[in-house]
Protein backbone atom coordinates (compact mmCIF):
# COMPACT_ATOMS: atom_id res chain seq x y z
CA MET A 1 -27.60 8.70 8.81
CA GLU A 2 -26.95 4.99 8.53
CA THR A 3 -23.32 5.68 7.62
CA LEU A 4 -22.88 8.07 10.55
CA ALA A 5 -24.40 5.49 12.93
CA ALA A 6 -21.98 2.86 11.60
CA LEU A 7 -19.07 5.30 12.04
CA GLY A 8 -20.20 5.97 15.60
CA HIS A 9 -20.09 2.24 16.25
CA GLY A 10 -16.62 2.21 14.71
CA PHE A 11 -15.42 4.89 17.13
CA ALA A 12 -16.84 2.87 20.02
CA VAL A 13 -14.70 -0.06 18.81
CA ALA A 14 -11.56 1.98 18.05
CA LEU A 15 -11.62 3.95 21.32
CA THR A 16 -11.51 0.90 23.59
CA PRO A 17 -8.19 0.95 25.50
CA TYR A 18 -7.04 -2.29 23.82
CA ASN A 19 -7.61 -1.05 20.25
CA LEU A 20 -6.37 2.44 21.08
CA LEU A 21 -3.10 0.90 22.25
CA TRP A 22 -2.69 -0.95 18.94
CA ALA A 23 -3.47 2.25 17.02
CA LEU A 24 -0.66 3.98 18.92
CA VAL A 25 1.68 1.05 18.24
CA GLY A 26 0.77 1.14 14.55
CA VAL A 27 1.39 4.86 13.98
CA THR A 28 4.60 4.77 16.03
CA VAL A 29 6.01 1.77 14.17
CA GLY A 30 4.79 3.22 10.88
CA THR A 31 6.55 6.54 11.47
CA ALA A 32 9.74 4.74 12.47
CA VAL A 33 9.80 2.53 9.37
CA GLY A 34 8.90 5.47 7.18
CA VAL A 35 11.91 7.36 8.52
CA LEU A 36 14.31 4.44 7.91
CA PRO A 37 15.45 4.40 4.26
CA GLY A 38 14.48 1.33 2.25
CA ILE A 39 11.87 0.06 4.73
CA GLY A 40 8.33 0.87 3.68
CA PRO A 41 4.87 -0.05 4.97
CA ALA A 42 4.54 -3.10 2.69
CA LEU A 43 7.70 -4.68 4.15
CA THR A 44 6.63 -3.85 7.72
CA VAL A 45 3.09 -5.24 7.42
CA ALA A 46 4.51 -8.38 5.76
CA LEU A 47 7.03 -8.73 8.59
CA LEU A 48 4.28 -8.47 11.22
CA LEU A 49 1.88 -10.97 9.60
CA PRO A 50 3.31 -14.01 11.45
CA VAL A 51 3.51 -12.10 14.75
CA THR A 52 -0.14 -10.99 14.60
CA TYR A 53 -1.42 -14.47 13.71
CA ASN A 54 -3.11 -14.91 17.10
CA LEU A 55 -4.05 -11.25 17.54
CA ASP A 56 -7.69 -10.14 17.36
CA PRO A 57 -8.38 -9.24 13.67
CA THR A 58 -9.83 -5.81 14.50
CA ALA A 59 -6.79 -4.84 16.58
CA ALA A 60 -4.45 -6.20 13.90
CA PHE A 61 -6.02 -4.15 11.09
CA ILE A 62 -6.16 -1.02 13.24
CA MET A 63 -2.41 -1.47 13.73
CA PHE A 64 -1.83 -2.14 10.00
CA GLY A 65 -3.83 0.98 9.10
CA GLY A 66 -1.71 3.00 11.52
CA ILE A 67 1.47 1.60 9.99
CA TYR A 68 0.28 2.55 6.49
CA TYR A 69 -0.56 6.14 7.49
CA GLY A 70 2.49 6.48 9.72
CA ALA A 71 4.90 5.36 7.01
CA MET A 72 3.53 8.02 4.68
CA TYR A 73 4.23 10.63 7.37
CA GLY A 74 7.68 9.26 8.20
CA SER A 75 8.89 8.87 4.62
CA SER A 76 8.89 12.65 4.20
CA THR A 77 11.66 12.86 6.84
CA THR A 78 14.16 10.84 4.80
CA SER A 79 13.10 12.58 1.59
CA ILE A 80 13.72 16.01 3.07
CA LEU A 81 16.81 15.39 5.23
CA LEU A 82 18.55 12.62 3.24
CA ASN A 83 17.15 13.05 -0.27
CA THR A 84 16.26 9.33 -0.02
CA PRO A 85 12.52 8.70 -0.45
CA GLY A 86 11.32 5.97 1.91
CA GLU A 87 8.26 5.41 -0.32
CA SER A 88 7.62 5.99 -4.02
CA GLY A 89 5.00 8.59 -3.09
CA SER A 90 7.73 10.76 -1.48
CA ILE A 91 9.93 11.00 -4.59
CA VAL A 92 8.46 14.38 -5.53
CA THR A 93 8.77 15.66 -1.95
CA ALA A 94 12.53 15.07 -2.08
CA ILE A 95 13.02 17.57 -4.94
CA ASP A 96 12.19 20.78 -3.08
CA GLY A 97 12.15 19.36 0.44
CA HIS A 98 15.84 18.48 0.30
CA ALA A 99 16.60 21.84 -1.29
CA MET A 100 14.91 23.51 1.70
CA ALA A 101 17.01 21.35 4.05
CA ARG A 102 20.22 22.50 2.31
CA GLN A 103 19.09 26.09 2.86
CA GLY A 104 18.59 25.44 6.59
CA ARG A 105 14.78 25.28 6.29
CA GLY A 106 14.43 21.53 6.81
CA ALA A 107 12.31 22.10 9.95
CA GLN A 108 9.78 24.17 8.01
CA ALA A 109 9.68 21.55 5.24
CA LEU A 110 8.95 18.81 7.80
CA ALA A 111 6.28 20.98 9.46
CA THR A 112 4.38 21.69 6.24
CA ALA A 113 4.61 17.98 5.35
CA ALA A 114 3.23 16.90 8.75
CA ILE A 115 0.41 19.47 8.91
CA GLY A 116 -0.51 18.87 5.26
CA SER A 117 -0.56 15.13 5.88
CA PHE A 118 -2.91 15.61 8.84
CA ILE A 119 -5.32 17.85 6.94
CA ALA A 120 -5.29 15.66 3.83
CA GLY A 121 -5.59 12.44 5.81
CA THR A 122 -8.57 13.75 7.79
CA ILE A 123 -10.48 15.07 4.74
CA ALA A 124 -9.71 11.90 2.75
CA THR A 125 -10.88 9.68 5.63
CA ILE A 126 -14.17 11.60 5.69
CA ALA A 127 -14.47 10.88 1.97
CA LEU A 128 -13.64 7.20 2.59
CA THR A 129 -16.44 7.06 5.19
CA PHE A 130 -19.06 7.88 2.55
CA VAL A 131 -17.46 6.42 -0.60
CA ALA A 132 -16.89 2.89 0.76
CA PRO A 133 -20.61 2.21 1.50
CA ALA A 134 -21.48 3.47 -2.01
CA MET A 135 -18.98 0.99 -3.47
CA VAL A 136 -20.53 -1.77 -1.35
CA ARG A 137 -23.99 -1.03 -2.78
CA LEU A 138 -22.49 -1.36 -6.26
CA ALA A 139 -20.76 -4.64 -5.35
CA LEU A 140 -24.07 -6.13 -4.17
CA LEU A 141 -25.12 -6.20 -7.85
CA PHE A 142 -22.29 -8.64 -8.65
CA GLY A 143 -22.80 -12.29 -9.56
CA PRO A 144 -20.10 -14.93 -10.23
CA ALA A 145 -19.36 -13.54 -13.72
CA GLU A 146 -18.99 -9.99 -12.37
CA TYR A 147 -16.78 -11.15 -9.49
CA PHE A 148 -14.54 -13.03 -11.92
CA ALA A 149 -14.28 -9.88 -14.08
CA LEU A 150 -13.51 -7.79 -10.98
CA MET A 151 -10.69 -10.15 -9.99
CA VAL A 152 -9.30 -10.04 -13.54
CA LEU A 153 -9.35 -6.23 -13.20
CA ALA A 154 -7.53 -6.46 -9.84
CA LEU A 155 -4.89 -8.77 -11.32
CA THR A 156 -4.50 -6.48 -14.33
CA THR A 157 -4.26 -3.37 -12.15
CA VAL A 158 -1.29 -4.44 -10.08
CA THR A 159 0.39 -5.98 -13.14
CA ALA A 160 0.09 -2.92 -15.35
CA VAL A 161 0.57 -0.23 -12.70
CA LEU A 162 3.09 -1.57 -10.16
CA GLY A 163 6.07 -1.83 -12.47
CA ASN A 164 7.82 -0.31 -15.47
CA SER A 165 7.39 -3.27 -17.82
CA LEU A 166 4.19 -5.12 -18.69
CA VAL A 167 6.16 -8.30 -19.46
CA ARG A 168 7.86 -8.24 -16.05
CA GLY A 169 4.55 -7.54 -14.34
CA LEU A 170 2.88 -10.46 -16.12
CA SER A 171 5.82 -12.73 -15.20
CA SER A 172 5.34 -11.87 -11.54
CA LEU A 173 1.58 -12.37 -11.82
CA PHE A 174 1.91 -15.82 -13.44
CA LEU A 175 4.37 -16.87 -10.72
CA GLY A 176 1.75 -15.95 -8.12
CA LEU A 177 -1.01 -17.75 -10.03
CA ALA A 178 1.19 -20.86 -10.26
CA LEU A 179 1.87 -20.78 -6.50
CA GLY A 180 -1.88 -20.44 -5.91
CA LEU A 181 -2.54 -23.69 -7.80
CA VAL A 182 -0.41 -25.76 -5.40
CA GLY A 183 -2.43 -27.94 -3.04
CA ILE A 184 -5.71 -29.86 -3.15
CA ASP A 185 -8.32 -28.85 -5.72
CA LEU A 186 -11.40 -28.02 -3.64
CA GLN A 187 -13.83 -29.30 -6.29
CA THR A 188 -12.17 -32.56 -7.36
CA GLY A 189 -10.10 -33.37 -4.25
CA GLN A 190 -7.03 -34.02 -6.42
CA ALA A 191 -3.54 -32.91 -5.37
CA ARG A 192 -2.04 -30.35 -7.74
CA PHE A 193 1.68 -29.53 -8.14
CA THR A 194 2.62 -30.80 -4.67
CA LEU A 195 5.70 -32.75 -5.95
CA GLY A 196 4.88 -35.50 -3.45
CA ILE A 197 5.60 -33.20 -0.48
CA PRO A 198 2.93 -33.64 2.25
CA GLU A 199 3.44 -30.09 3.57
CA LEU A 200 2.24 -28.68 0.24
CA LEU A 201 -1.14 -30.46 0.31
CA ASP A 202 -2.65 -27.49 2.16
CA GLY A 203 -1.14 -25.10 -0.36
CA ILE A 204 1.58 -22.49 0.03
CA ASP A 205 0.90 -20.19 2.96
CA THR A 206 0.27 -16.62 1.81
CA VAL A 207 2.08 -15.25 4.86
CA ILE A 208 5.26 -17.20 4.01
CA VAL A 209 5.23 -15.82 0.46
CA ALA A 210 4.52 -12.24 1.65
CA VAL A 211 7.30 -12.30 4.26
CA GLY A 212 9.71 -13.99 1.84
CA LEU A 213 9.16 -11.56 -1.03
CA PHE A 214 8.80 -8.32 0.92
CA ALA A 215 10.83 -8.79 4.11
CA VAL A 216 13.62 -11.21 3.13
CA GLY A 217 13.89 -10.29 -0.56
CA GLU A 218 13.64 -6.53 0.00
CA THR A 219 16.14 -6.54 2.88
CA LEU A 220 18.71 -8.59 0.92
CA TYR A 221 18.36 -6.21 -2.01
CA VAL A 222 18.65 -3.01 0.05
CA ALA A 223 21.64 -4.44 1.97
CA ALA A 224 23.37 -5.50 -1.26
CA ARG A 225 23.28 -2.04 -2.77
CA SER A 226 23.77 0.05 0.39
CA ARG A 227 27.54 0.17 -0.02
CA TYR A 228 27.16 1.91 -3.38
CA GLU A 229 25.02 4.75 -2.02
CA THR A 230 26.27 7.79 -0.16
CA GLU A 231 24.05 9.62 2.30
CA GLU A 232 24.43 13.10 3.77
CA LEU A 233 22.12 13.99 6.64
CA TYR A 234 21.23 17.66 7.04
CA ALA A 235 20.67 18.67 10.66
CA LEU A 236 17.52 20.56 11.70
CA ARG A 237 18.07 24.22 12.50
CA GLY A 238 15.71 26.89 13.82
CA SER A 239 12.07 26.71 14.85
CA ILE A 240 9.78 24.05 13.40
CA TRP A 241 6.80 26.42 13.44
CA LEU A 242 5.69 27.89 10.14
CA SER A 243 5.81 31.64 9.55
CA ARG A 244 2.76 33.61 8.39
CA GLU A 245 4.12 33.55 4.83
CA ASP A 246 4.68 29.77 4.97
CA TRP A 247 1.07 29.25 6.10
CA ALA A 248 -0.21 31.50 3.31
CA ARG A 249 1.79 29.56 0.70
CA SER A 250 0.86 26.11 2.06
CA TRP A 251 -2.86 25.97 2.85
CA LYS A 252 -4.14 26.02 -0.74
CA PRO A 253 -1.66 23.32 -1.91
CA TRP A 254 -2.81 21.16 1.04
CA LEU A 255 -6.43 21.32 -0.16
CA ARG A 256 -5.58 20.90 -3.85
CA GLY A 257 -3.31 17.95 -3.06
CA THR A 258 -6.13 16.30 -1.11
CA ALA A 259 -8.56 16.83 -4.01
CA LEU A 260 -6.10 15.06 -6.33
CA GLY A 261 -4.92 12.31 -3.99
CA PHE A 262 -8.12 10.68 -2.79
CA PRO A 263 -9.96 10.04 -6.09
CA ILE A 264 -6.81 8.95 -7.92
CA GLY A 265 -5.82 6.65 -5.04
CA ALA A 266 -9.26 5.02 -5.27
CA LEU A 267 -8.91 4.32 -9.00
CA PRO A 268 -7.68 0.89 -10.17
CA ALA A 269 -4.64 2.57 -11.76
CA GLY A 270 -4.17 5.09 -8.96
CA GLY A 271 -1.48 4.67 -6.30
CA THR A 272 0.57 7.49 -4.79
CA GLU A 273 2.96 8.34 -7.62
CA ILE A 274 0.44 9.82 -10.07
CA PRO A 275 -1.31 12.29 -7.69
CA THR A 276 1.99 13.51 -6.19
CA PHE A 277 3.47 14.29 -9.62
CA LEU A 278 0.21 15.93 -10.75
CA SER A 279 0.15 18.01 -7.56
CA TYR A 280 3.73 19.19 -8.17
CA LEU A 281 2.93 20.21 -11.76
CA LEU A 282 -0.31 21.94 -10.71
CA GLU A 283 1.38 23.93 -7.94
CA LYS A 284 4.16 25.01 -10.27
CA ARG A 285 1.64 26.22 -12.84
CA LEU A 286 -0.43 28.13 -10.25
CA SER A 287 2.53 29.55 -8.30
CA LYS A 288 3.49 33.21 -8.41
CA ARG A 289 7.12 32.08 -7.95
CA PRO A 290 7.58 29.20 -10.45
CA GLU A 291 11.30 29.91 -10.63
CA GLU A 292 11.66 28.65 -7.02
CA PHE A 293 10.46 25.15 -7.89
CA GLY A 294 13.37 22.74 -7.73
CA LYS A 295 15.21 25.19 -5.48
CA GLY A 296 13.13 24.97 -2.28
CA ALA A 297 9.52 26.07 -2.89
CA ILE A 298 7.39 25.20 0.14
CA GLU A 299 4.31 24.66 -2.10
CA ALA A 300 6.19 21.82 -3.81
CA VAL A 301 6.38 20.04 -0.45
CA ALA A 302 2.90 20.90 0.84
CA GLY A 303 0.89 19.80 -2.20
CA PRO A 304 2.56 16.45 -3.00
CA GLU A 305 2.65 15.40 0.66
CA ALA A 306 -1.07 16.12 1.01
CA ALA A 307 -1.74 14.15 -2.20
CA ASN A 308 0.44 11.30 -0.91
CA ASN A 309 -1.50 10.88 2.33
CA ALA A 310 -4.93 11.44 0.77
CA SER A 311 -4.24 8.65 -1.71
CA VAL A 312 -3.78 6.19 1.18
CA ALA A 313 -7.41 6.70 2.24
CA GLY A 314 -8.36 6.42 -1.43
CA THR A 315 -6.56 3.07 -1.63
CA MET A 316 -8.53 1.76 1.36
CA ALA A 317 -11.91 2.36 -0.34
CA PRO A 318 -11.62 -0.26 -3.14
CA LEU A 319 -9.68 -2.60 -0.83
CA LEU A 320 -12.42 -2.71 1.81
CA ALA A 321 -15.47 -2.47 -0.46
CA LEU A 322 -14.34 -4.59 -3.42
CA GLY A 323 -11.20 -6.47 -2.33
CA LEU A 324 -9.31 -4.54 -5.03
CA PRO A 325 -5.67 -3.67 -4.10
CA THR A 326 -4.19 -0.63 -5.87
CA SER A 327 -0.80 -0.52 -4.09
CA ALA A 328 1.82 -2.92 -2.78
CA THR A 329 0.79 -2.28 0.83
CA ALA A 330 -2.86 -2.88 -0.04
CA ALA A 331 -1.81 -6.20 -1.59
CA ILE A 332 -0.14 -7.21 1.69
CA MET A 333 -3.21 -6.13 3.66
CA LEU A 334 -5.24 -8.35 1.33
CA ALA A 335 -2.93 -11.20 2.39
CA ALA A 336 -3.61 -10.24 6.02
CA PHE A 337 -7.37 -10.56 5.44
CA GLN A 338 -6.79 -14.04 4.05
CA GLN A 339 -4.67 -14.93 7.08
CA TYR A 340 -7.76 -14.37 9.23
CA GLY A 341 -10.06 -16.18 6.80
CA LEU A 342 -11.74 -12.92 5.72
CA GLN A 343 -12.52 -11.65 2.22
CA PRO A 344 -12.90 -7.87 1.88
CA GLY A 345 -16.03 -6.78 0.04
CA PRO A 346 -19.73 -6.18 0.71
CA LEU A 347 -20.08 -9.35 2.79
CA LEU A 348 -17.35 -8.12 5.15
CA PHE A 349 -19.41 -4.96 5.86
CA GLU A 350 -22.34 -7.22 6.79
CA SER A 351 -20.51 -10.00 8.65
CA ASN A 352 -17.84 -7.97 10.46
CA PRO A 353 -18.92 -4.30 10.66
CA GLY A 354 -16.93 -3.79 13.85
CA LEU A 355 -13.69 -4.52 12.02
CA VAL A 356 -14.46 -2.35 8.96
CA TRP A 357 -15.83 0.68 10.78
CA GLY A 358 -13.36 0.29 13.64
CA LEU A 359 -10.56 0.46 11.07
CA ILE A 360 -12.07 3.55 9.38
CA ALA A 361 -12.58 5.27 12.73
CA SER A 362 -9.02 4.42 13.76
CA LEU A 363 -7.73 6.36 10.74
CA TYR A 364 -9.23 9.56 12.22
CA ILE A 365 -7.61 8.76 15.56
CA GLY A 366 -4.31 7.76 13.96
CA ASN A 367 -4.13 11.05 12.07
CA ALA A 368 -4.39 13.03 15.30
CA LEU A 369 -1.82 10.79 17.01
CA LEU A 370 0.56 11.21 14.07
CA LEU A 371 0.43 15.00 14.25
CA VAL A 372 1.35 14.83 17.94
CA LEU A 373 4.12 12.30 17.26
CA ASN A 374 5.65 14.06 14.27
CA LEU A 375 5.82 17.76 15.14
CA PRO A 376 7.19 17.79 18.73
CA LEU A 377 9.24 14.57 18.41
CA VAL A 378 10.81 15.13 15.00
CA GLY A 379 14.30 15.26 16.55
CA LEU A 380 13.79 11.76 17.97
CA TRP A 381 12.80 10.35 14.56
CA VAL A 382 15.86 11.92 12.96
CA ARG A 383 18.08 9.99 15.39
CA LEU A 384 16.77 6.73 13.93
CA LEU A 385 18.73 7.56 10.80
CA THR A 386 21.96 6.95 12.75
CA ILE A 387 21.19 3.24 13.38
CA PRO A 388 23.98 1.15 11.77
CA LYS A 389 22.57 -0.46 8.62
CA PRO A 390 24.04 -3.97 9.26
CA TRP A 391 22.25 -4.14 12.63
CA LEU A 392 19.01 -3.04 11.04
CA TYR A 393 19.11 -5.55 8.17
CA ALA A 394 20.22 -8.44 10.38
CA GLY A 395 17.42 -7.68 12.83
CA ILE A 396 14.78 -7.72 10.06
CA LEU A 397 16.01 -11.05 8.66
CA LEU A 398 16.14 -12.64 12.12
CA PHE A 399 12.65 -11.34 12.98
CA ALA A 400 11.24 -12.60 9.65
CA THR A 401 12.74 -16.07 10.13
CA MET A 402 11.50 -16.44 13.70
CA GLY A 403 8.04 -15.16 12.75
CA ALA A 404 7.71 -17.61 9.85
CA TYR A 405 8.72 -20.55 12.06
CA THR A 406 6.14 -19.70 14.72
CA LEU A 407 3.29 -20.03 12.18
CA ASN A 408 3.36 -23.85 12.12
CA ASN A 409 6.59 -24.70 14.02
CA ASN A 410 7.73 -26.33 10.78
CA VAL A 411 11.27 -26.32 9.34
CA PHE A 412 9.81 -26.74 5.84
CA ASP A 413 8.29 -23.24 6.17
CA LEU A 414 11.78 -21.83 6.83
CA ILE A 415 13.19 -23.52 3.73
CA LEU A 416 10.27 -22.21 1.68
CA LEU A 417 10.68 -18.72 3.20
CA TRP A 418 14.31 -18.42 2.15
CA VAL A 419 13.77 -19.95 -1.30
CA ILE A 420 11.01 -17.39 -1.94
CA GLY A 421 13.17 -14.67 -0.37
CA LEU A 422 16.01 -15.40 -2.80
CA ILE A 423 13.49 -15.39 -5.66
CA GLY A 424 12.27 -12.00 -4.39
CA PHE A 425 15.87 -10.72 -4.32
CA GLY A 426 16.33 -11.87 -7.92
CA MET A 427 13.05 -10.20 -8.94
CA ARG A 428 14.25 -6.88 -7.56
CA VAL A 429 17.61 -7.17 -9.29
CA LEU A 430 15.76 -7.79 -12.57
CA GLU A 431 13.25 -5.00 -11.73
CA VAL A 432 10.31 -7.41 -11.65
CA PRO A 433 7.53 -6.04 -9.36
CA VAL A 434 6.65 -8.37 -6.47
CA ALA A 435 3.12 -7.12 -5.67
CA PRO A 436 1.52 -8.91 -8.69
CA CYS A 437 2.90 -12.21 -7.34
CA ILE A 438 1.12 -11.76 -3.99
CA VAL A 439 -2.13 -10.66 -5.61
CA GLY A 440 -1.97 -13.60 -8.04
CA LEU A 441 -1.45 -16.02 -5.15
CA ILE A 442 -4.47 -14.64 -3.23
CA LEU A 443 -6.93 -13.84 -6.00
CA GLY A 444 -6.00 -16.65 -8.40
CA PRO A 445 -7.84 -19.42 -6.49
CA LEU A 446 -10.81 -17.09 -5.84
CA ALA A 447 -10.99 -16.14 -9.52
CA GLU A 448 -10.87 -19.83 -10.48
CA GLN A 449 -13.73 -20.54 -8.07
CA GLN A 450 -15.91 -17.73 -9.45
CA PHE A 451 -15.06 -18.76 -13.04
CA ARG A 452 -16.21 -22.33 -12.40
CA ARG A 453 -19.32 -21.12 -10.59
CA ALA A 454 -20.30 -18.81 -13.48
CA LEU A 455 -19.86 -21.64 -16.01
CA ALA A 456 -21.88 -24.01 -13.84
CA ILE A 457 -24.78 -21.51 -13.65
CA SER A 458 -24.66 -20.92 -17.43
CA GLN A 459 -24.38 -24.69 -18.10
CA GLY A 460 -20.95 -24.31 -19.69
CA ASP A 461 -21.76 -21.30 -21.90
CA PRO A 462 -18.70 -18.96 -21.87
CA SER A 463 -20.73 -16.07 -23.32
CA VAL A 464 -21.94 -15.42 -19.76
CA PHE A 465 -18.81 -13.27 -19.28
CA VAL A 466 -19.72 -10.86 -22.11
CA THR A 467 -23.52 -10.88 -21.99
CA HIS A 468 -23.58 -9.40 -18.48
CA PRO A 469 -23.06 -5.60 -18.96
CA LEU A 470 -21.18 -5.02 -15.68
CA ALA A 471 -18.79 -7.92 -16.32
CA LEU A 472 -18.18 -6.67 -19.87
CA LEU A 473 -17.43 -3.16 -18.54
CA LEU A 474 -14.89 -4.52 -16.04
CA PHE A 475 -13.20 -6.61 -18.76
CA ALA A 476 -13.06 -3.51 -20.97
CA ILE A 477 -11.37 -1.47 -18.21
CA ALA A 478 -8.85 -4.29 -17.68
CA ALA A 479 -8.10 -4.36 -21.43
CA VAL A 480 -7.56 -0.58 -21.49
CA LEU A 481 -5.15 -0.82 -18.53
CA LEU A 482 -3.17 -3.54 -20.29
CA LEU A 483 -3.08 -2.00 -23.75
CA THR A 484 -2.71 1.75 -23.01
CA PRO A 485 0.99 1.62 -21.92
CA ALA A 486 1.89 -0.43 -25.02
CA VAL A 487 0.01 1.98 -27.32
CA LEU A 488 1.68 5.01 -25.70
CA ARG A 489 5.15 3.46 -26.08
CA TYR A 490 4.39 2.63 -29.72
CA ARG A 491 3.31 6.22 -30.39
CA GLN A 492 6.46 7.58 -28.71
CA ARG A 493 8.65 5.35 -30.91
CA ARG A 494 6.77 6.51 -34.01
CA LEU A 495 7.18 10.17 -33.06
CA ALA A 496 10.87 9.66 -32.23
CA SER A 497 11.53 8.07 -35.61
């Protein structure tokens, strides 16, 4: 009952005209950026961080949540009509969705994706409503040693999961940790790694790094390789409404995809890629027409899209309750919390319940808004694909530069933005994931603070990190995440030889 009362308060917050307007803005912008190839929710939230600096935090996060959900909806449009996934979670959708578009059934593919996303998003948000408070009760058992272990787990998660190479992930993480050390040491008052530059005494602004890596770096990279990619847009034909047979073949995959997406999205090594691939494989195994998979099976669109959207709600649970990001967009939202001087976790539920429950309630509202926006207005979203790419990329870079300058009205921030942007471009060329850098920058100083606090309580005894059972468990999970990919690759090489 306590959870339902808190959710009721959240709806009272989310349904105010001011917050409702920002929810509509969020889902609309999110759908638009999801439709545009190469522009995902992480880039968009990063781009809007400077603009929302003076916005009310609750309204800002309601908008960010809408962008996250909306981008998942919109990315199915490019996957189906262009065979160009806007997000990694839509890679599987492109296989059969684009095949349906080539057969003239693109409208039906978009319809099953939109309805499945609505059903999965709603069920997963209900699960989030009850899972997040349970995670908070667990987090209340944490002391400094446990918090340090949790942050090590968060750092390990994004390093091991968000990238193809552990070495590249660690390189990105250590870059973020190094950037987090710049500034004045809060305990000793000494300047660290400032190079004699007064502007660095306050540290490197997280927003500048987020916008540089995600907006500037990503845009430069996408623009650089756009000339080497050919795109063929398949027009929508026929009615968008599903036939009786389409409904019969879609409703079970929607539910199964939801059941896979939410729990895996909430796991430290979750994300959207794993549940969507698992959903595809499960639907193929259970299908009475397995020969159609890869050639336009509607189940292969319905299941993965439901899993994709359910995993977003799953990602929000550890982010809000523990401050644990399990996706690139969650890492940027973690940066947004820091921009407002907030730290997600159990204390946030106590100190700012209006923000937390208003955000959760807005996800219910956003889901309904997205269904209305996506089904009747799908033709409008398709027209966005005709925007000339040079205009789009130039607009993003100009918007990012102006937004970064307005933070402190400081030219040094612009120089730093473009230096970090070029570093981000180089990281993408070398296939180095950028999310670990952001998480390292944010959580590095917090982990250092908890580490020092734990040692102070134990009077300098480092065994405090292994004598506490919960801390030891978290360290063990982090070790498994780090070592499992290396062990699997070693076994594959042994079997191959």
